[in-house]
PDB file of N, CA and C in Angstrom:
ATOM      1  N   MET A   1     -71.862 -23.901 161.311  1.00  0.00           N
ATOM      2  CA  MET A   1     -70.842 -22.913 161.608  1.00  0.00           C
ATOM      3  C   MET A   1     -71.535 -21.574 161.858  1.00  0.00           C
ATOM      4  N   LEU A   2     -71.094 -20.900 162.912  1.00  0.00           N
ATOM      5  CA  LEU A   2     -71.636 -19.585 163.231  1.00  0.00           C
ATOM      6  C   LEU A   2     -71.198 -18.610 162.148  1.00  0.00           C
ATOM      7  N   THR A   3     -72.162 -17.928 161.559  1.00  0.00           N
ATOM      8  CA  THR A   3     -71.901 -16.950 160.505  1.00  0.00           C
ATOM      9  C   THR A   3     -72.684 -15.695 160.842  1.00  0.00           C
ATOM     10  N   VAL A   4     -71.967 -14.587 161.019  1.00  0.00           N
ATOM     11  CA  VAL A   4     -72.617 -13.340 161.413  1.00  0.00           C
ATOM     12  C   VAL A   4     -72.195 -12.197 160.501  1.00  0.00           C
ATOM     13  N   THR A   5     -73.049 -11.189 160.425  1.00  0.00           N
ATOM     14  CA  THR A   5     -72.733 -10.005 159.626  1.00  0.00           C
ATOM     15  C   THR A   5     -72.004  -8.955 160.455  1.00  0.00           C
ATOM     16  N   THR A   6     -71.920  -9.175 161.754  1.00  0.00           N
ATOM     17  CA  THR A   6     -71.251  -8.219 162.639  1.00  0.00           C
ATOM     18  C   THR A   6     -69.749  -8.465 162.666  1.00  0.00           C
ATOM     19  N   GLU A   7     -69.022  -7.452 163.142  1.00  0.00           N
ATOM     20  CA  GLU A   7     -67.570  -7.574 163.244  1.00  0.00           C
ATOM     21  C   GLU A   7     -67.159  -8.361 164.479  1.00  0.00           C
ATOM     22  N   LYS A   8     -67.958  -8.290 165.514  1.00  0.00           N
ATOM     23  CA  LYS A   8     -67.648  -8.950 166.788  1.00  0.00           C
ATOM     24  C   LYS A   8     -68.709  -9.992 167.123  1.00  0.00           C
ATOM     25  N   ILE A   9     -68.277 -11.021 167.823  1.00  0.00           N
ATOM     26  CA  ILE A   9     -69.183 -12.019 168.380  1.00  0.00           C
ATOM     27  C   ILE A   9     -69.144 -11.808 169.895  1.00  0.00           C
ATOM     28  N   PRO A  10     -70.246 -11.362 170.488  1.00  0.00           N
ATOM     29  CA  PRO A  10     -70.242 -11.073 171.927  1.00  0.00           C
ATOM     30  C   PRO A  10     -69.741 -12.262 172.759  1.00  0.00           C
ATOM     31  N   GLY A  11     -68.819 -11.960 173.675  1.00  0.00           N
ATOM     32  CA  GLY A  11     -68.303 -12.975 174.581  1.00  0.00           C
ATOM     33  C   GLY A  11     -67.259 -13.894 173.984  1.00  0.00           C
ATOM     34  N   GLN A  12     -66.815 -13.633 172.766  1.00  0.00           N
ATOM     35  CA  GLN A  12     -65.822 -14.495 172.119  1.00  0.00           C
ATOM     36  C   GLN A  12     -64.564 -13.713 171.775  1.00  0.00           C
ATOM     37  N   GLU A  13     -63.440 -14.322 172.034  1.00  0.00           N
ATOM     38  CA  GLU A  13     -62.173 -13.803 171.528  1.00  0.00           C
ATOM     39  C   GLU A  13     -61.727 -14.740 170.418  1.00  0.00           C
ATOM     40  N   TYR A  14     -61.161 -14.180 169.374  1.00  0.00           N
ATOM     41  CA  TYR A  14     -60.757 -15.020 168.250  1.00  0.00           C
ATOM     42  C   TYR A  14     -59.599 -14.406 167.494  1.00  0.00           C
ATOM     43  N   GLU A  15     -58.942 -15.266 166.732  1.00  0.00           N
ATOM     44  CA  GLU A  15     -57.895 -14.809 165.823  1.00  0.00           C
ATOM     45  C   GLU A  15     -58.452 -14.884 164.409  1.00  0.00           C
ATOM     46  N   ILE A  16     -58.010 -13.971 163.579  1.00  0.00           N
ATOM     47  CA  ILE A  16     -58.471 -13.915 162.195  1.00  0.00           C
ATOM     48  C   ILE A  16     -57.644 -14.881 161.354  1.00  0.00           C
ATOM     49  N   LEU A  17     -58.324 -15.718 160.604  1.00  0.00           N
ATOM     50  CA  LEU A  17     -57.648 -16.661 159.705  1.00  0.00           C
ATOM     51  C   LEU A  17     -57.534 -16.109 158.290  1.00  0.00           C
ATOM     52  N   GLY A  18     -58.525 -15.346 157.861  1.00  0.00           N
ATOM     53  CA  GLY A  18     -58.462 -14.764 156.522  1.00  0.00           C
ATOM     54  C   GLY A  18     -59.797 -14.751 155.807  1.00  0.00           C
ATOM     55  N   LEU A  19     -59.753 -14.268 154.602  1.00  0.00           N
ATOM     56  CA  LEU A  19     -60.934 -14.145 153.752  1.00  0.00           C
ATOM     57  C   LEU A  19     -61.434 -15.515 153.323  1.00  0.00           C
ATOM     58  N   VAL A  20     -62.745 -15.682 153.366  1.00  0.00           N
ATOM     59  CA  VAL A  20     -63.382 -16.875 152.805  1.00  0.00           C
ATOM     60  C   VAL A  20     -64.473 -16.420 151.848  1.00  0.00           C
ATOM     61  N   LYS A  21     -64.708 -17.230 150.840  1.00  0.00           N
ATOM     62  CA  LYS A  21     -65.705 -16.852 149.836  1.00  0.00           C
ATOM     63  C   LYS A  21     -66.316 -18.077 149.198  1.00  0.00           C
ATOM     64  N   GLY A  22     -67.455 -17.877 148.613  1.00  0.00           N
ATOM     65  CA  GLY A  22     -68.124 -18.911 147.841  1.00  0.00           C
ATOM     66  C   GLY A  22     -69.004 -18.223 146.819  1.00  0.00           C
ATOM     67  N   SER A  23     -69.107 -18.787 145.640  1.00  0.00           N
ATOM     68  CA  SER A  23     -69.924 -18.140 144.612  1.00  0.00           C
ATOM     69  C   SER A  23     -70.556 -19.167 143.694  1.00  0.00           C
ATOM     70  N   THR A  24     -71.526 -18.688 142.962  1.00  0.00           N
ATOM     71  CA  THR A  24     -72.166 -19.486 141.921  1.00  0.00           C
ATOM     72  C   THR A  24     -72.685 -18.536 140.857  1.00  0.00           C
ATOM     73  N   ILE A  25     -72.841 -19.042 139.663  1.00  0.00           N
ATOM     74  CA  ILE A  25     -73.450 -18.275 138.577  1.00  0.00           C
ATOM     75  C   ILE A  25     -74.690 -19.033 138.146  1.00  0.00           C
ATOM     76  N   GLN A  26     -75.804 -18.334 138.148  1.00  0.00           N
ATOM     77  CA  GLN A  26     -77.079 -18.935 137.775  1.00  0.00           C
ATOM     78  C   GLN A  26     -77.574 -18.299 136.483  1.00  0.00           C
ATOM     79  N   CYS A  27     -78.161 -19.125 135.628  1.00  0.00           N
ATOM     80  CA  CYS A  27     -78.724 -18.647 134.367  1.00  0.00           C
ATOM     81  C   CYS A  27     -80.233 -18.833 134.385  1.00  0.00           C
ATOM     82  N   LYS A  28     -80.901 -17.935 133.708  1.00  0.00           N
ATOM     83  CA  LYS A  28     -82.337 -18.074 133.542  1.00  0.00           C
ATOM     84  C   LYS A  28     -82.586 -19.185 132.519  1.00  0.00           C
ATOM     85  N   ASN A  29     -83.706 -19.885 132.678  1.00  0.00           N
ATOM     86  CA  ASN A  29     -84.059 -20.839 131.635  1.00  0.00           C
ATOM     87  C   ASN A  29     -85.229 -20.297 130.839  1.00  0.00           C
ATOM     88  N   ILE A  30     -85.484 -20.875 129.694  1.00  0.00           N
ATOM     89  CA  ILE A  30     -86.491 -20.332 128.785  1.00  0.00           C
ATOM     90  C   ILE A  30     -87.886 -20.324 129.404  1.00  0.00           C
ATOM     91  N   GLY A  31     -88.211 -21.328 130.208  1.00  0.00           N
ATOM     92  CA  GLY A  31     -89.517 -21.359 130.873  1.00  0.00           C
ATOM     93  C   GLY A  31     -89.671 -20.201 131.836  1.00  0.00           C
ATOM     94  N   ARG A  32     -88.639 -19.925 132.585  1.00  0.00           N
ATOM     95  CA  ARG A  32     -88.680 -18.789 133.512  1.00  0.00           C
ATOM     96  C   ARG A  32     -88.750 -17.482 132.746  1.00  0.00           C
ATOM     97  N   ASP A  33     -88.009 -17.387 131.642  1.00  0.00           N
ATOM     98  CA  ASP A  33     -88.014 -16.170 130.844  1.00  0.00           C
ATOM     99  C   ASP A  33     -89.398 -15.850 130.308  1.00  0.00           C
ATOM    100  N   ILE A  34     -90.068 -16.844 129.772  1.00  0.00           N
ATOM    101  CA  ILE A  34     -91.401 -16.624 129.200  1.00  0.00           C
ATOM    102  C   ILE A  34     -92.373 -16.185 130.283  1.00  0.00           C
ATOM    103  N   GLY A  35     -92.398 -16.918 131.396  1.00  0.00           N
ATOM    104  CA  GLY A  35     -93.292 -16.565 132.495  1.00  0.00           C
ATOM    105  C   GLY A  35     -92.991 -15.195 133.058  1.00  0.00           C
ATOM    106  N   SER A  36     -91.727 -14.862 133.164  1.00  0.00           N
ATOM    107  CA  SER A  36     -91.339 -13.566 133.708  1.00  0.00           C
ATOM    108  C   SER A  36     -91.656 -12.434 132.747  1.00  0.00           C
ATOM    109  N   SER A  37     -91.610 -12.700 131.457  1.00  0.00           N
ATOM    110  CA  SER A  37     -91.975 -11.680 130.478  1.00  0.00           C
ATOM    111  C   SER A  37     -93.436 -11.281 130.648  1.00  0.00           C
ATOM    112  N   PHE A  38     -94.292 -12.266 130.870  1.00  0.00           N
ATOM    113  CA  PHE A  38     -95.700 -11.963 131.115  1.00  0.00           C
ATOM    114  C   PHE A  38     -95.875 -11.197 132.422  1.00  0.00           C
ATOM    115  N   LYS A  39     -95.135 -11.590 133.457  1.00  0.00           N
ATOM    116  CA  LYS A  39     -95.221 -10.923 134.754  1.00  0.00           C
ATOM    117  C   LYS A  39     -94.743  -9.483 134.621  1.00  0.00           C
ATOM    118  N   ASN A  40     -93.767  -9.255 133.763  1.00  0.00           N
ATOM    119  CA  ASN A  40     -93.243  -7.919 133.545  1.00  0.00           C
ATOM    120  C   ASN A  40     -94.309  -7.005 132.957  1.00  0.00           C
ATOM    121  N   LEU A  41     -95.215  -7.562 132.192  1.00  0.00           N
ATOM    122  CA  LEU A  41     -96.293  -6.773 131.586  1.00  0.00           C
ATOM    123  C   LEU A  41     -97.336  -6.349 132.616  1.00  0.00           C
ATOM    124  N   VAL A  42     -97.664  -7.245 133.546  1.00  0.00           N
ATOM    125  CA  VAL A  42     -98.748  -6.974 134.489  1.00  0.00           C
ATOM    126  C   VAL A  42     -98.257  -6.545 135.863  1.00  0.00           C
ATOM    127  N   GLY A  43     -96.983  -6.714 136.150  1.00  0.00           N
ATOM    128  CA  GLY A  43     -96.421  -6.340 137.439  1.00  0.00           C
ATOM    129  C   GLY A  43     -96.511  -7.466 138.446  1.00  0.00           C
ATOM    130  N   GLY A  44     -95.822  -7.310 139.530  1.00  0.00           N
ATOM    131  CA  GLY A  44     -95.831  -8.317 140.582  1.00  0.00           C
ATOM    132  C   GLY A  44     -94.489  -9.001 140.737  1.00  0.00           C
ATOM    133  N   GLU A  45     -94.425  -9.870 141.718  1.00  0.00           N
ATOM    134  CA  GLU A  45     -93.190 -10.582 142.030  1.00  0.00           C
ATOM    135  C   GLU A  45     -92.903 -11.674 141.014  1.00  0.00           C
ATOM    136  N   MET A  46     -91.655 -11.771 140.598  1.00  0.00           N
ATOM    137  CA  MET A  46     -91.216 -12.822 139.677  1.00  0.00           C
ATOM    138  C   MET A  46     -90.756 -14.003 140.515  1.00  0.00           C
ATOM    139  N   LYS A  47     -91.683 -14.853 140.893  1.00  0.00           N
ATOM    140  CA  LYS A  47     -91.398 -15.927 141.846  1.00  0.00           C
ATOM    141  C   LYS A  47     -90.325 -16.889 141.371  1.00  0.00           C
ATOM    142  N   SER A  48     -90.279 -17.176 140.084  1.00  0.00           N
ATOM    143  CA  SER A  48     -89.254 -18.101 139.600  1.00  0.00           C
ATOM    144  C   SER A  48     -87.857 -17.509 139.764  1.00  0.00           C
ATOM    145  N   TYR A  49     -87.725 -16.188 139.589  1.00  0.00           N
ATOM    146  CA  TYR A  49     -86.433 -15.540 139.799  1.00  0.00           C
ATOM    147  C   TYR A  49     -86.081 -15.473 141.283  1.00  0.00           C
ATOM    148  N   VAL A  50     -87.068 -15.235 142.119  1.00  0.00           N
ATOM    149  CA  VAL A  50     -86.831 -15.221 143.558  1.00  0.00           C
ATOM    150  C   VAL A  50     -86.298 -16.586 143.993  1.00  0.00           C
ATOM    151  N   GLU A  51     -86.922 -17.659 143.513  1.00  0.00           N
ATOM    152  CA  GLU A  51     -86.466 -19.016 143.829  1.00  0.00           C
ATOM    153  C   GLU A  51     -85.043 -19.236 143.331  1.00  0.00           C
ATOM    154  N   MET A  52     -84.757 -18.782 142.109  1.00  0.00           N
ATOM    155  CA  MET A  52     -83.426 -18.964 141.537  1.00  0.00           C
ATOM    156  C   MET A  52     -82.375 -18.230 142.372  1.00  0.00           C
ATOM    157  N   MET A  53     -82.665 -17.003 142.775  1.00  0.00           N
ATOM    158  CA  MET A  53     -81.698 -16.230 143.552  1.00  0.00           C
ATOM    159  C   MET A  53     -81.562 -16.768 144.983  1.00  0.00           C
ATOM    160  N   ASN A  54     -82.648 -17.255 145.562  1.00  0.00           N
ATOM    161  CA  ASN A  54     -82.552 -17.891 146.883  1.00  0.00           C
ATOM    162  C   ASN A  54     -81.652 -19.119 146.823  1.00  0.00           C
ATOM    163  N   GLU A  55     -81.824 -19.918 145.783  1.00  0.00           N
ATOM    164  CA  GLU A  55     -80.979 -21.097 145.598  1.00  0.00           C
ATOM    165  C   GLU A  55     -79.516 -20.689 145.402  1.00  0.00           C
ATOM    166  N   ALA A  56     -79.294 -19.650 144.616  1.00  0.00           N
ATOM    167  CA  ALA A  56     -77.927 -19.182 144.367  1.00  0.00           C
ATOM    168  C   ALA A  56     -77.275 -18.699 145.666  1.00  0.00           C
ATOM    169  N   ARG A  57     -78.022 -17.965 146.495  1.00  0.00           N
ATOM    170  CA  ARG A  57     -77.466 -17.512 147.773  1.00  0.00           C
ATOM    171  C   ARG A  57     -77.124 -18.692 148.673  1.00  0.00           C
ATOM    172  N   ASP A  58     -77.990 -19.703 148.699  1.00  0.00           N
ATOM    173  CA  ASP A  58     -77.726 -20.896 149.520  1.00  0.00           C
ATOM    174  C   ASP A  58     -76.459 -21.613 149.063  1.00  0.00           C
ATOM    175  N   ILE A  59     -76.294 -21.750 147.754  1.00  0.00           N
ATOM    176  CA  ILE A  59     -75.105 -22.413 147.208  1.00  0.00           C
ATOM    177  C   ILE A  59     -73.850 -21.623 147.562  1.00  0.00           C
ATOM    178  N   ALA A  60     -73.888 -20.309 147.346  1.00  0.00           N
ATOM    179  CA  ALA A  60     -72.723 -19.466 147.646  1.00  0.00           C
ATOM    180  C   ALA A  60     -72.382 -19.520 149.131  1.00  0.00           C
ATOM    181  N   LEU A  61     -73.400 -19.482 149.992  1.00  0.00           N
ATOM    182  CA  LEU A  61     -73.188 -19.551 151.442  1.00  0.00           C
ATOM    183  C   LEU A  61     -72.562 -20.885 151.834  1.00  0.00           C
ATOM    184  N   ASP A  62     -73.080 -21.988 151.296  1.00  0.00           N
ATOM    185  CA  ASP A  62     -72.520 -23.309 151.594  1.00  0.00           C
ATOM    186  C   ASP A  62     -71.063 -23.407 151.158  1.00  0.00           C
ATOM    187  N   ARG A  63     -70.744 -22.858 150.005  1.00  0.00           N
ATOM    188  CA  ARG A  63     -69.363 -22.903 149.507  1.00  0.00           C
ATOM    189  C   ARG A  63     -68.430 -22.053 150.363  1.00  0.00           C
ATOM    190  N   MET A  64     -68.918 -20.909 150.842  1.00  0.00           N
ATOM    191  CA  MET A  64     -68.111 -20.076 151.725  1.00  0.00           C
ATOM    192  C   MET A  64     -67.848 -20.802 153.045  1.00  0.00           C
ATOM    193  N   ILE A  65     -68.881 -21.428 153.597  1.00  0.00           N
ATOM    194  CA  ILE A  65     -68.723 -22.164 154.849  1.00  0.00           C
ATOM    195  C   ILE A  65     -67.733 -23.314 154.672  1.00  0.00           C
ATOM    196  N   GLN A  66     -67.787 -24.003 153.546  1.00  0.00           N
ATOM    197  CA  GLN A  66     -66.827 -25.083 153.290  1.00  0.00           C
ATOM    198  C   GLN A  66     -65.406 -24.538 153.195  1.00  0.00           C
ATOM    199  N   ASP A  67     -65.255 -23.372 152.576  1.00  0.00           N
ATOM    200  CA  ASP A  67     -63.949 -22.725 152.502  1.00  0.00           C
ATOM    201  C   ASP A  67     -63.422 -22.439 153.911  1.00  0.00           C
ATOM    202  N   ALA A  68     -64.298 -21.959 154.792  1.00  0.00           N
ATOM    203  CA  ALA A  68     -63.903 -21.677 156.182  1.00  0.00           C
ATOM    204  C   ALA A  68     -63.550 -22.963 156.925  1.00  0.00           C
ATOM    205  N   ARG A  69     -64.315 -24.012 156.730  1.00  0.00           N
ATOM    206  CA  ARG A  69     -64.004 -25.298 157.376  1.00  0.00           C
ATOM    207  C   ARG A  69     -62.644 -25.809 156.933  1.00  0.00           C
ATOM    208  N   ASN A  70     -62.338 -25.646 155.657  1.00  0.00           N
ATOM    209  CA  ASN A  70     -61.045 -26.084 155.139  1.00  0.00           C
ATOM    210  C   ASN A  70     -59.883 -25.335 155.793  1.00  0.00           C
ATOM    211  N   MET A  71     -60.144 -24.121 156.288  1.00  0.00           N
ATOM    212  CA  MET A  71     -59.121 -23.332 156.974  1.00  0.00           C
ATOM    213  C   MET A  71     -59.080 -23.638 158.471  1.00  0.00           C
ATOM    214  N   GLY A  72     -60.015 -24.445 158.960  1.00  0.00           N
ATOM    215  CA  GLY A  72     -60.078 -24.752 160.385  1.00  0.00           C
ATOM    216  C   GLY A  72     -60.807 -23.702 161.200  1.00  0.00           C
ATOM    217  N   ALA A  73     -61.676 -22.928 160.572  1.00  0.00           N
ATOM    218  CA  ALA A  73     -62.384 -21.844 161.244  1.00  0.00           C
ATOM    219  C   ALA A  73     -63.503 -22.368 162.145  1.00  0.00           C
ATOM    220  N   ASP A  74     -63.801 -21.576 163.157  1.00  0.00           N
ATOM    221  CA  ASP A  74     -64.930 -21.847 164.046  1.00  0.00           C
ATOM    222  C   ASP A  74     -66.141 -20.993 163.678  1.00  0.00           C
ATOM    223  N   ALA A  75     -65.900 -19.869 163.013  1.00  0.00           N
ATOM    224  CA  ALA A  75     -66.987 -18.947 162.680  1.00  0.00           C
ATOM    225  C   ALA A  75     -66.559 -18.046 161.527  1.00  0.00           C
ATOM    226  N   ILE A  76     -67.533 -17.323 161.005  1.00  0.00           N
ATOM    227  CA  ILE A  76     -67.280 -16.321 159.970  1.00  0.00           C
ATOM    228  C   ILE A  76     -67.917 -15.023 160.446  1.00  0.00           C
ATOM    229  N   VAL A  77     -67.135 -13.946 160.440  1.00  0.00           N
ATOM    230  CA  VAL A  77     -67.652 -12.633 160.814  1.00  0.00           C
ATOM    231  C   VAL A  77     -67.659 -11.726 159.580  1.00  0.00           C
ATOM    232  N   CYS A  78     -68.397 -10.633 159.689  1.00  0.00           N
ATOM    233  CA  CYS A  78     -68.483  -9.635 158.603  1.00  0.00           C
ATOM    234  C   CYS A  78     -68.955 -10.257 157.290  1.00  0.00           C
ATOM    235  N   MET A  79     -69.864 -11.210 157.370  1.00  0.00           N
ATOM    236  CA  MET A  79     -70.350 -11.906 156.174  1.00  0.00           C
ATOM    237  C   MET A  79     -71.215 -10.970 155.331  1.00  0.00           C
ATOM    238  N   ARG A  80     -71.024 -11.034 154.024  1.00  0.00           N
ATOM    239  CA  ARG A  80     -71.788 -10.219 153.075  1.00  0.00           C
ATOM    240  C   ARG A  80     -72.115 -11.043 151.832  1.00  0.00           C
ATOM    241  N   PHE A  81     -73.146 -10.585 151.112  1.00  0.00           N
ATOM    242  CA  PHE A  81     -73.471 -11.113 149.793  1.00  0.00           C
ATOM    243  C   PHE A  81     -73.214 -10.016 148.774  1.00  0.00           C
ATOM    244  N   ALA A  82     -72.799 -10.412 147.576  1.00  0.00           N
ATOM    245  CA  ALA A  82     -72.657  -9.487 146.457  1.00  0.00           C
ATOM    246  C   ALA A  82     -73.220 -10.180 145.224  1.00  0.00           C
ATOM    247  N   THR A  83     -73.809  -9.411 144.348  1.00  0.00           N
ATOM    248  CA  THR A  83     -74.322  -9.962 143.095  1.00  0.00           C
ATOM    249  C   THR A  83     -73.812  -9.119 141.936  1.00  0.00           C
ATOM    250  N   SER A  84     -73.711  -9.758 140.787  1.00  0.00           N
ATOM    251  CA  SER A  84     -73.337  -9.025 139.587  1.00  0.00           C
ATOM    252  C   SER A  84     -73.879  -9.748 138.375  1.00  0.00           C
ATOM    253  N   SER A  85     -74.110  -8.987 137.345  1.00  0.00           N
ATOM    254  CA  SER A  85     -74.557  -9.547 136.079  1.00  0.00           C
ATOM    255  C   SER A  85     -73.329  -9.974 135.289  1.00  0.00           C
ATOM    256  N   ILE A  86     -73.291 -11.232 134.883  1.00  0.00           N
ATOM    257  CA  ILE A  86     -72.148 -11.770 134.146  1.00  0.00           C
ATOM    258  C   ILE A  86     -72.363 -11.635 132.642  1.00  0.00           C
ATOM    259  N   ALA A  87     -73.554 -11.968 132.218  1.00  0.00           N
ATOM    260  CA  ALA A  87     -73.949 -11.879 130.815  1.00  0.00           C
ATOM    261  C   ALA A  87     -75.458 -11.743 130.806  1.00  0.00           C
ATOM    262  N   GLN A  88     -76.019 -11.481 129.654  1.00  0.00           N
ATOM    263  CA  GLN A  88     -77.481 -11.367 129.596  1.00  0.00           C
ATOM    264  C   GLN A  88     -78.100 -12.681 130.052  1.00  0.00           C
ATOM    265  N   GLY A  89     -78.898 -12.603 131.082  1.00  0.00           N
ATOM    266  CA  GLY A  89     -79.570 -13.796 131.592  1.00  0.00           C
ATOM    267  C   GLY A  89     -78.773 -14.592 132.607  1.00  0.00           C
ATOM    268  N   ALA A  90     -77.583 -14.107 133.003  1.00  0.00           N
ATOM    269  CA  ALA A  90     -76.763 -14.835 133.985  1.00  0.00           C
ATOM    270  C   ALA A  90     -76.299 -13.879 135.081  1.00  0.00           C
ATOM    271  N   ALA A  91     -76.398 -14.347 136.321  1.00  0.00           N
ATOM    272  CA  ALA A  91     -75.989 -13.528 137.462  1.00  0.00           C
ATOM    273  C   ALA A  91     -75.090 -14.338 138.383  1.00  0.00           C
ATOM    274  N   GLU A  92     -74.095 -13.668 138.954  1.00  0.00           N
ATOM    275  CA  GLU A  92     -73.232 -14.291 139.951  1.00  0.00           C
ATOM    276  C   GLU A  92     -73.679 -13.833 141.331  1.00  0.00           C
ATOM    277  N   VAL A  93     -73.700 -14.756 142.264  1.00  0.00           N
ATOM    278  CA  VAL A  93     -73.921 -14.434 143.667  1.00  0.00           C
ATOM    279  C   VAL A  93     -72.676 -14.885 144.408  1.00  0.00           C
ATOM    280  N   MET A  94     -72.116 -13.974 145.203  1.00  0.00           N
ATOM    281  CA  MET A  94     -70.935 -14.298 145.990  1.00  0.00           C
ATOM    282  C   MET A  94     -71.229 -14.035 147.460  1.00  0.00           C
ATOM    283  N   ALA A  95     -70.806 -14.961 148.310  1.00  0.00           N
ATOM    284  CA  ALA A  95     -70.842 -14.790 149.754  1.00  0.00           C
ATOM    285  C   ALA A  95     -69.390 -14.667 150.199  1.00  0.00           C
ATOM    286  N   TYR A  96     -69.122 -13.714 151.073  1.00  0.00           N
ATOM    287  CA  TYR A  96     -67.739 -13.570 151.550  1.00  0.00           C
ATOM    288  C   TYR A  96     -67.741 -13.051 152.981  1.00  0.00           C
ATOM    289  N   GLY A  97     -66.648 -13.313 153.677  1.00  0.00           N
ATOM    290  CA  GLY A  97     -66.511 -12.883 155.056  1.00  0.00           C
ATOM    291  C   GLY A  97     -65.118 -13.188 155.556  1.00  0.00           C
ATOM    292  N   THR A  98     -64.943 -13.055 156.862  1.00  0.00           N
ATOM    293  CA  THR A  98     -63.646 -13.293 157.495  1.00  0.00           C
ATOM    294  C   THR A  98     -63.749 -14.520 158.388  1.00  0.00           C
ATOM    295  N   ALA A  99     -62.934 -15.521 158.103  1.00  0.00           N
ATOM    296  CA  ALA A  99     -62.893 -16.735 158.924  1.00  0.00           C
ATOM    297  C   ALA A  99     -62.129 -16.455 160.204  1.00  0.00           C
ATOM    298  N   VAL A 100     -62.654 -16.957 161.324  1.00  0.00           N
ATOM    299  CA  VAL A 100     -61.995 -16.760 162.615  1.00  0.00           C
ATOM    300  C   VAL A 100     -61.929 -18.069 163.386  1.00  0.00           C
ATOM    301  N   LYS A 101     -60.951 -18.152 164.272  1.00  0.00           N
ATOM    302  CA  LYS A 101     -60.752 -19.304 165.159  1.00  0.00           C
ATOM    303  C   LYS A 101     -60.851 -18.799 166.584  1.00  0.00           C
ATOM    304  N   PHE A 102     -61.721 -19.434 167.385  1.00  0.00           N
ATOM    305  CA  PHE A 102     -61.894 -19.037 168.781  1.00  0.00           C
ATOM    306  C   PHE A 102     -60.648 -19.351 169.593  1.00  0.00           C
ATOM    307  N   LYS A 103     -60.325 -18.473 170.552  1.00  0.00           N
ATOM    308  CA  LYS A 103     -59.175 -18.683 171.438  1.00  0.00           C
ATOM    309  C   LYS A 103     -59.613 -19.500 172.638  1.00  0.00           C
TER     310      LYS A 103
END
């Protein structure tokens, strides 16, 4: 499914179907916490967290796309990601946008 961050898709006319979203909540595990604590002391990229957040974004994106498919959408415009801390060691990633149907 075509998913764009822009408001318009060049050369396409469409009707708006509505908001679509997908989210997931990911928790740190103890192995990642220990390794990241050491990384925090010496500096550098926390690769295990990067992997966790990449996975979370992929899950949220897939769920948003499924939500759009369920509405009969052809594309999603104005797509965005949002993150928030839910509890210590847990973060939510949400993907959201506007589902559209081509004319």
